[in-house]
C-alpha atoms as a PDB file:
ATOM      1  CA  MET A   1      21.987 -53.602  82.379  1.00  0.00           C
ATOM      2  CA  PRO A   2      20.491 -51.552  79.515  1.00  0.00           C
ATOM      3  CA  THR A   3      18.244 -53.480  77.165  1.00  0.00           C
ATOM      4  CA  PRO A   4      20.185 -54.468  74.015  1.00  0.00           C
ATOM      5  CA  LEU A   5      19.349 -52.328  71.024  1.00  0.00           C
ATOM      6  CA  LEU A   6      16.857 -54.003  68.744  1.00  0.00           C
ATOM      7  CA  GLU A   7      18.148 -52.973  65.330  1.00  0.00           C
ATOM      8  CA  PRO A   8      15.137 -53.098  62.979  1.00  0.00           C
ATOM      9  CA  LEU A   9      15.565 -54.270  59.441  1.00  0.00           C
ATOM     10  CA  PRO A  10      15.997 -51.185  57.239  1.00  0.00           C
ATOM     11  CA  GLU A  11      12.652 -50.200  55.773  1.00  0.00           C
ATOM     12  CA  PRO A  12      12.460 -47.708  52.904  1.00  0.00           C
ATOM     13  CA  LEU A  13      10.278 -44.661  53.326  1.00  0.00           C
ATOM     14  CA  PRO A  14       6.950 -44.676  51.462  1.00  0.00           C
ATOM     15  CA  SER A  15       7.403 -43.591  47.844  1.00  0.00           C
ATOM     16  CA  HIS A  16       5.820 -40.162  48.363  1.00  0.00           C
ATOM     17  CA  LEU A  17       8.383 -39.316  51.048  1.00  0.00           C
ATOM     18  CA  VAL A  18      11.889 -38.231  50.116  1.00  0.00           C
ATOM     19  CA  SER A  19      14.905 -37.357  52.247  1.00  0.00           C
ATOM     20  CA  ARG A  20      17.825 -34.986  51.849  1.00  0.00           C
ATOM     21  CA  PRO A  21      20.375 -33.131  53.981  1.00  0.00           C
ATOM     22  CA  LEU A  22      19.082 -29.837  55.324  1.00  0.00           C
ATOM     23  CA  THR A  23      20.489 -26.337  54.862  1.00  0.00           C
ATOM     24  CA  ALA A  24      20.398 -23.234  57.039  1.00  0.00           C
ATOM     25  CA  ASP A  25      17.379 -22.085  55.004  1.00  0.00           C
ATOM     26  CA  ASP A  26      15.393 -25.033  56.429  1.00  0.00           C
ATOM     27  CA  ALA A  27      15.571 -23.733  60.014  1.00  0.00           C
ATOM     28  CA  ARG A  28      12.031 -22.320  59.880  1.00  0.00           C
ATOM     29  CA  ALA A  29      10.576 -25.583  58.560  1.00  0.00           C
ATOM     30  CA  VAL A  30      12.397 -27.535  61.285  1.00  0.00           C
ATOM     31  CA  TYR A  31      11.010 -25.178  63.911  1.00  0.00           C
ATOM     32  CA  GLU A  32       7.479 -25.645  62.574  1.00  0.00           C
ATOM     33  CA  THR A  33       7.873 -29.435  62.630  1.00  0.00           C
ATOM     34  CA  MET A  34       9.249 -29.470  66.181  1.00  0.00           C
ATOM     35  CA  ALA A  35       6.597 -27.005  67.349  1.00  0.00           C
ATOM     36  CA  ALA A  36       3.800 -29.136  65.896  1.00  0.00           C
ATOM     37  CA  GLN A  37       5.161 -32.177  67.710  1.00  0.00           C
ATOM     38  CA  GLU A  38       5.539 -30.370  71.059  1.00  0.00           C
ATOM     39  CA  ARG A  39       2.103 -28.767  70.810  1.00  0.00           C
ATOM     40  CA  HIS A  40       0.567 -32.199  70.235  1.00  0.00           C
ATOM     41  CA  ASP A  41       2.606 -34.094  72.835  1.00  0.00           C
ATOM     42  CA  ILE A  42       2.877 -31.664  75.775  1.00  0.00           C
ATOM     43  CA  GLY A  43       0.347 -28.964  74.953  1.00  0.00           C
ATOM     44  CA  THR A  44       2.902 -26.142  74.703  1.00  0.00           C
ATOM     45  CA  VAL A  45       5.731 -25.137  72.386  1.00  0.00           C
ATOM     46  CA  GLU A  46       9.117 -25.004  74.138  1.00  0.00           C
ATOM     47  CA  ILE A  47      11.296 -24.596  71.031  1.00  0.00           C
ATOM     48  CA  GLU A  48      11.965 -21.310  69.231  1.00  0.00           C
ATOM     49  CA  GLU A  49      13.377 -20.776  65.756  1.00  0.00           C
ATOM     50  CA  ALA A  50      16.278 -18.814  67.264  1.00  0.00           C
ATOM     51  CA  ASP A  51      17.282 -21.953  69.183  1.00  0.00           C
ATOM     52  CA  ILE A  52      17.771 -23.821  65.923  1.00  0.00           C
ATOM     53  CA  VAL A  53      19.568 -20.934  64.219  1.00  0.00           C
ATOM     54  CA  GLY A  54      21.886 -20.521  67.200  1.00  0.00           C
ATOM     55  CA  ASP A  55      22.733 -24.219  67.369  1.00  0.00           C
ATOM     56  CA  TRP A  56      23.250 -24.510  63.627  1.00  0.00           C
ATOM     57  CA  GLN A  57      25.576 -21.516  63.438  1.00  0.00           C
ATOM     58  CA  ARG A  58      28.071 -23.061  65.875  1.00  0.00           C
ATOM     59  CA  PRO A  59      31.456 -23.430  64.129  1.00  0.00           C
ATOM     60  CA  SER A  60      31.641 -27.053  65.283  1.00  0.00           C
ATOM     61  CA  PHE A  61      28.357 -27.963  63.573  1.00  0.00           C
ATOM     62  CA  ASP A  62      28.018 -28.626  59.853  1.00  0.00           C
ATOM     63  CA  VAL A  63      24.364 -28.522  58.849  1.00  0.00           C
ATOM     64  CA  GLY A  64      24.793 -30.366  55.566  1.00  0.00           C
ATOM     65  CA  THR A  65      26.508 -33.431  57.035  1.00  0.00           C
ATOM     66  CA  SER A  66      24.735 -33.527  60.416  1.00  0.00           C
ATOM     67  CA  THR A  67      21.042 -33.272  59.481  1.00  0.00           C
ATOM     68  CA  VAL A  68      18.404 -34.963  57.394  1.00  0.00           C
ATOM     69  CA  GLY A  69      14.872 -33.963  56.458  1.00  0.00           C
ATOM     70  CA  VAL A  70      11.958 -36.069  55.257  1.00  0.00           C
ATOM     71  CA  PHE A  71       9.604 -34.316  52.835  1.00  0.00           C
ATOM     72  CA  ASP A  72       6.099 -35.202  51.628  1.00  0.00           C
ATOM     73  CA  ARG A  73       5.812 -34.670  47.871  1.00  0.00           C
ATOM     74  CA  HIS A  74       2.016 -34.927  48.100  1.00  0.00           C
ATOM     75  CA  HIS A  75       1.974 -31.738  50.190  1.00  0.00           C
ATOM     76  CA  GLY A  76       4.275 -29.467  48.226  1.00  0.00           C
ATOM     77  CA  ASP A  77       7.471 -30.955  49.646  1.00  0.00           C
ATOM     78  CA  LEU A  78       6.354 -30.254  53.213  1.00  0.00           C
ATOM     79  CA  LEU A  79       8.989 -31.105  55.838  1.00  0.00           C
ATOM     80  CA  VAL A  80       7.341 -33.835  57.913  1.00  0.00           C
ATOM     81  CA  GLY A  81      10.309 -35.240  59.805  1.00  0.00           C
ATOM     82  CA  TYR A  82      13.835 -34.233  60.660  1.00  0.00           C
ATOM     83  CA  ALA A  83      16.838 -35.468  62.640  1.00  0.00           C
ATOM     84  CA  GLU A  84      20.270 -34.214  63.519  1.00  0.00           C
ATOM     85  CA  VAL A  85      23.342 -35.440  65.365  1.00  0.00           C
ATOM     86  CA  ASN A  86      24.608 -32.362  67.171  1.00  0.00           C
ATOM     87  CA  GLY A  87      27.289 -33.831  69.421  1.00  0.00           C
ATOM     88  CA  PRO A  88      29.283 -37.017  70.008  1.00  0.00           C
ATOM     89  CA  GLU A  89      26.434 -38.610  72.008  1.00  0.00           C
ATOM     90  CA  ARG A  90      23.425 -36.400  71.321  1.00  0.00           C
ATOM     91  CA  GLY A  91      20.839 -35.840  68.629  1.00  0.00           C
ATOM     92  CA  ASP A  92      17.353 -34.447  68.101  1.00  0.00           C
ATOM     93  CA  ALA A  93      14.447 -35.485  65.900  1.00  0.00           C
ATOM     94  CA  ALA A  94      10.800 -34.674  65.272  1.00  0.00           C
ATOM     95  CA  VAL A  95       7.907 -35.999  63.198  1.00  0.00           C
ATOM     96  CA  ARG A  96       4.742 -34.066  62.444  1.00  0.00           C
ATOM     97  CA  PRO A  97       1.787 -35.682  64.248  1.00  0.00           C
ATOM     98  CA  SER A  98      -0.104 -35.742  60.933  1.00  0.00           C
ATOM     99  CA  HIS A  99       2.535 -38.110  59.514  1.00  0.00           C
ATOM    100  CA  ARG A 100       3.008 -40.558  62.354  1.00  0.00           C
ATOM    101  CA  GLY A 101       2.511 -44.243  61.669  1.00  0.00           C
ATOM    102  CA  LEU A 102       4.438 -44.171  58.374  1.00  0.00           C
ATOM    103  CA  GLY A 103       7.758 -45.410  59.796  1.00  0.00           C
ATOM    104  CA  ILE A 104       9.409 -41.987  59.699  1.00  0.00           C
ATOM    105  CA  GLY A 105      10.448 -42.039  63.357  1.00  0.00           C
ATOM    106  CA  THR A 106      12.025 -45.478  63.078  1.00  0.00           C
ATOM    107  CA  TRP A 107      13.818 -44.431  59.889  1.00  0.00           C
ATOM    108  CA  LEU A 108      15.166 -41.259  61.545  1.00  0.00           C
ATOM    109  CA  ALA A 109      16.341 -43.195  64.595  1.00  0.00           C
ATOM    110  CA  GLY A 110      18.264 -45.551  62.326  1.00  0.00           C
ATOM    111  CA  TRP A 111      19.773 -42.614  60.436  1.00  0.00           C
ATOM    112  CA  MET A 112      20.976 -41.074  63.712  1.00  0.00           C
ATOM    113  CA  ARG A 113      22.549 -44.328  64.880  1.00  0.00           C
ATOM    114  CA  ASP A 114      24.310 -44.838  61.563  1.00  0.00           C
ATOM    115  CA  LEU A 115      25.756 -41.328  61.533  1.00  0.00           C
ATOM    116  CA  ALA A 116      26.823 -41.416  65.189  1.00  0.00           C
ATOM    117  CA  ARG A 117      28.434 -44.823  64.682  1.00  0.00           C
ATOM    118  CA  ALA A 118      30.268 -43.601  61.583  1.00  0.00           C
ATOM    119  CA  ARG A 119      31.665 -40.720  63.641  1.00  0.00           C
ATOM    120  CA  GLY A 120      33.042 -43.073  66.253  1.00  0.00           C
ATOM    121  CA  SER A 121      30.422 -42.626  68.967  1.00  0.00           C
ATOM    122  CA  VAL A 122      29.628 -45.560  71.240  1.00  0.00           C
ATOM    123  CA  ILE A 123      26.280 -44.189  72.438  1.00  0.00           C
ATOM    124  CA  VAL A 124      23.713 -41.751  71.073  1.00  0.00           C
ATOM    125  CA  GLY A 125      20.459 -40.427  72.475  1.00  0.00           C
ATOM    126  CA  MET A 126      17.928 -37.628  72.492  1.00  0.00           C
ATOM    127  CA  PRO A 127      15.325 -36.054  74.805  1.00  0.00           C
ATOM    128  CA  VAL A 128      11.669 -37.046  74.479  1.00  0.00           C
ATOM    129  CA  PRO A 129       8.628 -36.060  76.570  1.00  0.00           C
ATOM    130  CA  GLU A 130       7.820 -38.825  79.038  1.00  0.00           C
ATOM    131  CA  GLY A 131       5.023 -41.044  77.724  1.00  0.00           C
ATOM    132  CA  SER A 132       4.986 -39.414  74.292  1.00  0.00           C
ATOM    133  CA  PRO A 133       4.920 -41.369  71.007  1.00  0.00           C
ATOM    134  CA  GLY A 134       8.650 -40.651  70.642  1.00  0.00           C
ATOM    135  CA  ASP A 135       9.318 -42.043  74.108  1.00  0.00           C
ATOM    136  CA  LEU A 136       7.309 -45.188  73.384  1.00  0.00           C
ATOM    137  CA  LEU A 137       9.034 -45.677  70.020  1.00  0.00           C
ATOM    138  CA  LEU A 138      12.552 -45.401  71.414  1.00  0.00           C
ATOM    139  CA  SER A 139      11.631 -47.661  74.326  1.00  0.00           C
ATOM    140  CA  SER A 140      10.366 -50.283  71.865  1.00  0.00           C
ATOM    141  CA  LEU A 141      13.698 -50.058  70.025  1.00  0.00           C
ATOM    142  CA  GLY A 142      15.620 -50.792  73.219  1.00  0.00           C
ATOM    143  CA  TYR A 143      16.724 -47.275  74.162  1.00  0.00           C
ATOM    144  CA  HIS A 144      17.328 -46.886  77.912  1.00  0.00           C
ATOM    145  CA  VAL A 145      16.759 -43.805  80.088  1.00  0.00           C
ATOM    146  CA  ARG A 146      20.048 -42.059  80.666  1.00  0.00           C
ATOM    147  CA  TRP A 147      18.693 -39.169  82.726  1.00  0.00           C
ATOM    148  CA  THR A 148      15.478 -37.230  83.407  1.00  0.00           C
ATOM    149  CA  SER A 149      14.879 -33.538  82.730  1.00  0.00           C
ATOM    150  CA  TRP A 150      12.148 -31.220  83.938  1.00  0.00           C
ATOM    151  CA  VAL A 151      10.775 -27.941  82.617  1.00  0.00           C
ATOM    152  CA  LEU A 152       9.679 -25.712  85.490  1.00  0.00           C
ATOM    153  CA  LYS A 153       7.574 -22.565  85.375  1.00  0.00           C
ATOM    154  CA  LEU A 154       6.890 -19.825  87.877  1.00  0.00           C
ATOM    155  CA  PRO A 155       3.104 -19.591  88.288  1.00  0.00           C
ATOM    156  CA  GLN A 156       1.671 -16.438  86.750  1.00  0.00           C
ATOM    157  CA  GLY A 157       1.659 -13.655  89.305  1.00  0.00           C
ATOM    158  CA  ALA A 158       4.133 -15.412  91.606  1.00  0.00           C
ATOM    159  CA  ARG A 159       7.510 -13.920  92.466  1.00  0.00           C
ATOM    160  CA  ILE A 160      10.759 -15.417  93.672  1.00  0.00           C
ATOM    161  CA  VAL A 161      11.736 -14.017  97.069  1.00  0.00           C
ATOM    162  CA  GLU A 162      14.703 -11.681  96.777  1.00  0.00           C
ATOM    163  CA  ARG A 163      17.964 -12.530  98.536  1.00  0.00           C
ATOM    164  CA  THR A 164      20.251  -9.857  99.914  1.00  0.00           C
ATOM    165  CA  LEU A 165      23.745 -10.283  98.558  1.00  0.00           C
ATOM    166  CA  SER A 166      26.902  -9.796 100.592  1.00  0.00           C
ATOM    167  CA  PRO A 167      28.384  -6.275 100.407  1.00  0.00           C
ATOM    168  CA  GLY A 168      30.223  -5.670  97.148  1.00  0.00           C
ATOM    169  CA  TYR A 169      28.381  -8.337  95.113  1.00  0.00           C
ATOM    170  CA  VAL A 170      26.372  -6.904  92.228  1.00  0.00           C
ATOM    171  CA  VAL A 171      24.007  -8.352  89.600  1.00  0.00           C
ATOM    172  CA  ARG A 172      24.188  -6.608  86.205  1.00  0.00           C
ATOM    173  CA  PRO A 173      24.389  -7.299  82.460  1.00  0.00           C
ATOM    174  CA  ALA A 174      27.739  -8.719  81.392  1.00  0.00           C
ATOM    175  CA  GLU A 175      30.079  -6.440  79.502  1.00  0.00           C
ATOM    176  CA  PRO A 176      31.429  -7.759  76.175  1.00  0.00           C
ATOM    177  CA  ALA A 177      34.951  -7.918  77.604  1.00  0.00           C
ATOM    178  CA  GLU A 178      33.608 -10.306  80.277  1.00  0.00           C
ATOM    179  CA  TYR A 179      32.093 -12.817  77.839  1.00  0.00           C
ATOM    180  CA  PRO A 180      35.120 -15.192  78.012  1.00  0.00           C
ATOM    181  CA  ALA A 181      34.870 -15.168  81.820  1.00  0.00           C
ATOM    182  CA  VAL A 182      31.115 -15.835  81.532  1.00  0.00           C
ATOM    183  CA  HIS A 183      31.881 -18.835  79.342  1.00  0.00           C
ATOM    184  CA  ASP A 184      34.416 -20.153  81.873  1.00  0.00           C
ATOM    185  CA  VAL A 185      31.978 -19.912  84.802  1.00  0.00           C
ATOM    186  CA  VAL A 186      29.266 -21.735  82.833  1.00  0.00           C
ATOM    187  CA  GLU A 187      31.522 -24.500  81.527  1.00  0.00           C
ATOM    188  CA  ASP A 188      33.281 -25.055  84.861  1.00  0.00           C
ATOM    189  CA  ALA A 189      29.892 -25.526  86.534  1.00  0.00           C
ATOM    190  CA  PHE A 190      28.259 -27.669  83.847  1.00  0.00           C
ATOM    191  CA  LEU A 191      31.252 -29.978  83.456  1.00  0.00           C
ATOM    192  CA  GLU A 192      30.974 -30.962  87.117  1.00  0.00           C
ATOM    193  CA  TRP A 193      28.096 -33.252  86.126  1.00  0.00           C
ATOM    194  CA  SER A 194      28.071 -33.434  82.306  1.00  0.00           C
ATOM    195  CA  SER A 195      30.342 -35.998  80.634  1.00  0.00           C
ATOM    196  CA  ARG A 196      31.309 -34.179  77.453  1.00  0.00           C
ATOM    197  CA  GLU A 197      34.149 -32.204  75.968  1.00  0.00           C
ATOM    198  CA  ARG A 198      34.512 -28.568  76.999  1.00  0.00           C
ATOM    199  CA  GLU A 199      32.467 -26.309  74.709  1.00  0.00           C
ATOM    200  CA  SER A 200      34.550 -23.852  72.712  1.00  0.00           C
ATOM    201  CA  PHE A 201      34.065 -20.152  73.296  1.00  0.00           C
ATOM    202  CA  GLU A 202      33.054 -19.779  69.641  1.00  0.00           C
ATOM    203  CA  ASP A 203      30.239 -22.324  70.038  1.00  0.00           C
ATOM    204  CA  PHE A 204      29.158 -20.612  73.264  1.00  0.00           C
ATOM    205  CA  ALA A 205      29.061 -17.274  71.463  1.00  0.00           C
ATOM    206  CA  ALA A 206      26.878 -18.687  68.672  1.00  0.00           C
ATOM    207  CA  THR A 207      24.138 -19.699  71.117  1.00  0.00           C
ATOM    208  CA  THR A 208      24.315 -16.658  73.427  1.00  0.00           C
ATOM    209  CA  TYR A 209      25.262 -13.166  72.275  1.00  0.00           C
ATOM    210  CA  LEU A 210      25.248 -14.101  68.565  1.00  0.00           C
ATOM    211  CA  ARG A 211      21.846 -15.785  68.871  1.00  0.00           C
ATOM    212  CA  PRO A 212      19.098 -13.977  66.919  1.00  0.00           C
ATOM    213  CA  GLY A 213      17.314 -11.426  69.068  1.00  0.00           C
ATOM    214  CA  PHE A 214      20.051 -11.109  71.697  1.00  0.00           C
ATOM    215  CA  GLU A 215      20.030  -8.036  73.923  1.00  0.00           C
ATOM    216  CA  PRO A 216      22.705  -7.231  76.541  1.00  0.00           C
ATOM    217  CA  TRP A 217      20.354  -7.885  79.480  1.00  0.00           C
ATOM    218  CA  HIS A 218      19.935 -11.491  78.317  1.00  0.00           C
ATOM    219  CA  LEU A 219      23.392 -12.284  79.731  1.00  0.00           C
ATOM    220  CA  LEU A 220      23.475 -11.372  83.431  1.00  0.00           C
ATOM    221  CA  VAL A 221      26.352 -11.821  85.838  1.00  0.00           C
ATOM    222  CA  VAL A 222      27.120 -11.563  89.529  1.00  0.00           C
ATOM    223  CA  VAL A 223      30.477  -9.926  90.159  1.00  0.00           C
ATOM    224  CA  ASP A 224      32.325 -10.027  93.468  1.00  0.00           C
ATOM    225  CA  PRO A 225      33.882  -6.970  95.194  1.00  0.00           C
ATOM    226  CA  ASP A 226      36.934  -7.302  92.927  1.00  0.00           C
ATOM    227  CA  GLY A 227      34.768  -7.237  89.781  1.00  0.00           C
ATOM    228  CA  THR A 228      35.303 -10.930  89.010  1.00  0.00           C
ATOM    229  CA  VAL A 229      32.437 -12.798  87.336  1.00  0.00           C
ATOM    230  CA  VAL A 230      31.276 -15.488  89.777  1.00  0.00           C
ATOM    231  CA  GLY A 231      27.726 -16.220  88.575  1.00  0.00           C
ATOM    232  CA  VAL A 232      25.850 -16.230  85.259  1.00  0.00           C
ATOM    233  CA  ALA A 233      22.256 -16.341  84.031  1.00  0.00           C
ATOM    234  CA  ASN A 234      21.483 -16.515  80.311  1.00  0.00           C
ATOM    235  CA  ALA A 235      17.867 -15.386  79.877  1.00  0.00           C
ATOM    236  CA  GLN A 236      15.850 -15.540  76.676  1.00  0.00           C
ATOM    237  CA  LEU A 237      12.436 -14.206  75.680  1.00  0.00           C
ATOM    238  CA  PHE A 238      10.100 -16.692  74.032  1.00  0.00           C
ATOM    239  CA  ALA A 239       7.335 -15.348  71.853  1.00  0.00           C
ATOM    240  CA  ASP A 240       3.845 -16.819  71.702  1.00  0.00           C
ATOM    241  CA  GLU A 241       2.250 -17.912  68.432  1.00  0.00           C
ATOM    242  CA  GLU A 242       1.162 -14.334  67.722  1.00  0.00           C
ATOM    243  CA  GLY A 243       4.758 -13.171  68.010  1.00  0.00           C
ATOM    244  CA  GLU A 244       4.329 -11.436  71.357  1.00  0.00           C
ATOM    245  CA  ALA A 245       6.872 -11.996  74.132  1.00  0.00           C
ATOM    246  CA  SER A 246       5.117 -14.193  76.665  1.00  0.00           C
ATOM    247  CA  GLU A 247       7.773 -16.110  78.587  1.00  0.00           C
ATOM    248  CA  ALA A 248      11.224 -15.619  80.014  1.00  0.00           C
ATOM    249  CA  PHE A 249      13.406 -18.700  79.997  1.00  0.00           C
ATOM    250  CA  ILE A 250      16.775 -19.115  81.718  1.00  0.00           C
ATOM    251  CA  SER A 251      18.773 -21.425  79.473  1.00  0.00           C
ATOM    252  CA  ARG A 252      21.940 -21.349  81.600  1.00  0.00           C
ATOM    253  CA  LEU A 253      22.341 -20.669  85.318  1.00  0.00           C
ATOM    254  CA  ALA A 254      25.718 -21.182  86.974  1.00  0.00           C
ATOM    255  CA  VAL A 255      27.576 -20.055  90.097  1.00  0.00           C
ATOM    256  CA  ARG A 256      31.222 -20.638  90.915  1.00  0.00           C
ATOM    257  CA  ARG A 257      31.497 -23.699  93.114  1.00  0.00           C
ATOM    258  CA  ASP A 258      33.088 -22.029  96.156  1.00  0.00           C
ATOM    259  CA  LEU A 259      30.336 -19.384  96.330  1.00  0.00           C
ATOM    260  CA  ARG A 260      27.245 -21.569  96.188  1.00  0.00           C
ATOM    261  CA  GLY A 261      24.680 -21.477  98.960  1.00  0.00           C
ATOM    262  CA  ARG A 262      24.898 -17.697  99.310  1.00  0.00           C
ATOM    263  CA  GLY A 263      21.844 -16.790  97.251  1.00  0.00           C
ATOM    264  CA  LEU A 264      23.689 -15.767  94.090  1.00  0.00           C
ATOM    265  CA  ALA A 265      21.644 -18.029  91.811  1.00  0.00           C
ATOM    266  CA  GLN A 266      18.414 -16.834  93.391  1.00  0.00           C
ATOM    267  CA  ALA A 267      19.464 -13.193  92.939  1.00  0.00           C
ATOM    268  CA  LEU A 268      20.219 -13.857  89.268  1.00  0.00           C
ATOM    269  CA  MET A 269      16.812 -15.470  88.771  1.00  0.00           C
ATOM    270  CA  VAL A 270      14.995 -12.560  90.440  1.00  0.00           C
ATOM    271  CA  ASP A 271      16.843 -10.026  88.299  1.00  0.00           C
ATOM    272  CA  ALA A 272      16.416 -11.999  85.052  1.00  0.00           C
ATOM    273  CA  PHE A 273      12.684 -12.509  85.522  1.00  0.00           C
ATOM    274  CA  ALA A 274      12.145  -8.883  86.579  1.00  0.00           C
ATOM    275  CA  ARG A 275      13.932  -7.568  83.492  1.00  0.00           C
ATOM    276  CA  ALA A 276      11.996  -9.991  81.293  1.00  0.00           C
ATOM    277  CA  GLY A 277       8.733  -8.754  82.812  1.00  0.00           C
ATOM    278  CA  GLU A 278       9.688  -5.226  81.820  1.00  0.00           C
ATOM    279  CA  HIS A 279      10.031  -6.528  78.247  1.00  0.00           C
ATOM    280  CA  GLY A 280       6.603  -8.166  78.136  1.00  0.00           C
ATOM    281  CA  ALA A 281       7.153 -11.627  79.642  1.00  0.00           C
ATOM    282  CA  GLU A 282       4.109 -12.930  81.499  1.00  0.00           C
ATOM    283  CA  THR A 283       5.586 -16.198  82.758  1.00  0.00           C
ATOM    284  CA  ALA A 284       9.064 -17.480  83.531  1.00  0.00           C
ATOM    285  CA  GLY A 285      10.738 -20.850  83.335  1.00  0.00           C
ATOM    286  CA  LEU A 286      13.898 -22.918  83.160  1.00  0.00           C
ATOM    287  CA  SER A 287      14.914 -26.561  82.931  1.00  0.00           C
ATOM    288  CA  THR A 288      17.150 -28.863  84.927  1.00  0.00           C
ATOM    289  CA  ASP A 289      17.925 -32.555  84.949  1.00  0.00           C
ATOM    290  CA  SER A 290      18.632 -35.373  87.357  1.00  0.00           C
ATOM    291  CA  ARG A 291      22.405 -35.028  86.973  1.00  0.00           C
ATOM    292  CA  THR A 292      22.473 -31.590  88.622  1.00  0.00           C
ATOM    293  CA  GLY A 293      20.535 -32.211  91.822  1.00  0.00           C
ATOM    294  CA  ALA A 294      18.990 -28.739  91.451  1.00  0.00           C
ATOM    295  CA  LEU A 295      15.303 -29.688  91.117  1.00  0.00           C
ATOM    296  CA  GLY A 296      14.631 -29.168  94.822  1.00  0.00           C
ATOM    297  CA  LEU A 297      16.217 -25.709  94.751  1.00  0.00           C
ATOM    298  CA  TYR A 298      13.879 -24.487  92.018  1.00  0.00           C
ATOM    299  CA  GLU A 299      10.818 -26.020  93.645  1.00  0.00           C
ATOM    300  CA  LYS A 300      11.805 -24.380  96.936  1.00  0.00           C
ATOM    301  CA  VAL A 301      11.659 -20.900  95.366  1.00  0.00           C
ATOM    302  CA  GLY A 302       8.149 -21.572  94.042  1.00  0.00           C
ATOM    303  CA  MET A 303       8.659 -23.037  90.569  1.00  0.00           C
ATOM    304  CA  GLU A 304       6.490 -25.946  89.433  1.00  0.00           C
ATOM    305  CA  VAL A 305       7.239 -28.815  87.053  1.00  0.00           C
ATOM    306  CA  THR A 306       5.193 -28.490  83.858  1.00  0.00           C
ATOM    307  CA  SER A 307       6.704 -31.279  81.762  1.00  0.00           C
ATOM    308  CA  THR A 308       9.066 -34.212  82.222  1.00  0.00           C
ATOM    309  CA  TRP A 309      11.528 -35.344  79.569  1.00  0.00           C
ATOM    310  CA  LEU A 310      13.584 -38.514  79.335  1.00  0.00           C
ATOM    311  CA  HIS A 311      16.955 -38.644  77.632  1.00  0.00           C
ATOM    312  CA  ARG A 312      16.784 -42.046  75.965  1.00  0.00           C
ATOM    313  CA  ALA A 313      19.937 -43.497  74.460  1.00  0.00           C
ATOM    314  CA  CYS A 314      21.302 -46.671  72.935  1.00  0.00           C
ATOM    315  CA  HIS A 315      24.741 -48.223  72.801  1.00  0.00           C
ATOM    316  CA  LEU A 316      26.150 -48.536  69.299  1.00  0.00           C
ATOM    317  CA  THR A 317      27.602 -52.007  68.901  1.00  0.00           C
END
């Protein structure tokens, strides 16, 4: 049985810290806060500002009622902590390492629980790097591990072995008219193991082809001999701190259930990483979690785990 949630007594933030709902203009400050936390906790930055912009521009998400920021008035109203509830059971939060130990994380966790509870949720959680201060804090508050996620990278210089597709199957960028079919393939595959409502096409669009920086080759498909979309890879280019493209990341990889085991996913990965390399990517990665059973597949093609994340959650009683 999960450990009962230990609801702390509400503690006010220190007087020099103030909170307010965020706006779309705060996306850069949120990115900087999350990046500072990731750099400190796992040694690399996995988040990109475009991720935040894409998520926040979903029609189903209202920034003003779903986020909160904590600002330090002693440092020119610097954003030092943030949280959001971005789905019925899911949220995200970050605290700058320079401002840990002030109760901000505990305060944000309480804010997330209160908002999720007010919206009718019975459970809420968020991903945290295993063993990080965020992981230890949520564990101390009684949050249990719901599932485990892994970020995997292809070692620099390594290549995924190409797979020959059956005659008539082709990997290529999706055409705009195929975007609804792309959405269907992704959602059909992800909902086999994810317990959530089906994502709307409009929300899907906001985080894919309407995401800042999108180029047509970022959305690759496998089509069968009849021209039907049967596999999808959504690739993104992540820039390093100097603004140069340094990593390709596959944020979505899906194949129609009846065609799995034929090398379609591997062919999509090879094509996505090759195209990214032509655009300056030096490394390549993706993530998966324990609900999919796909970790072994990615390790088999030569990818290595670089960080482990726990989705910790609590029941709202």
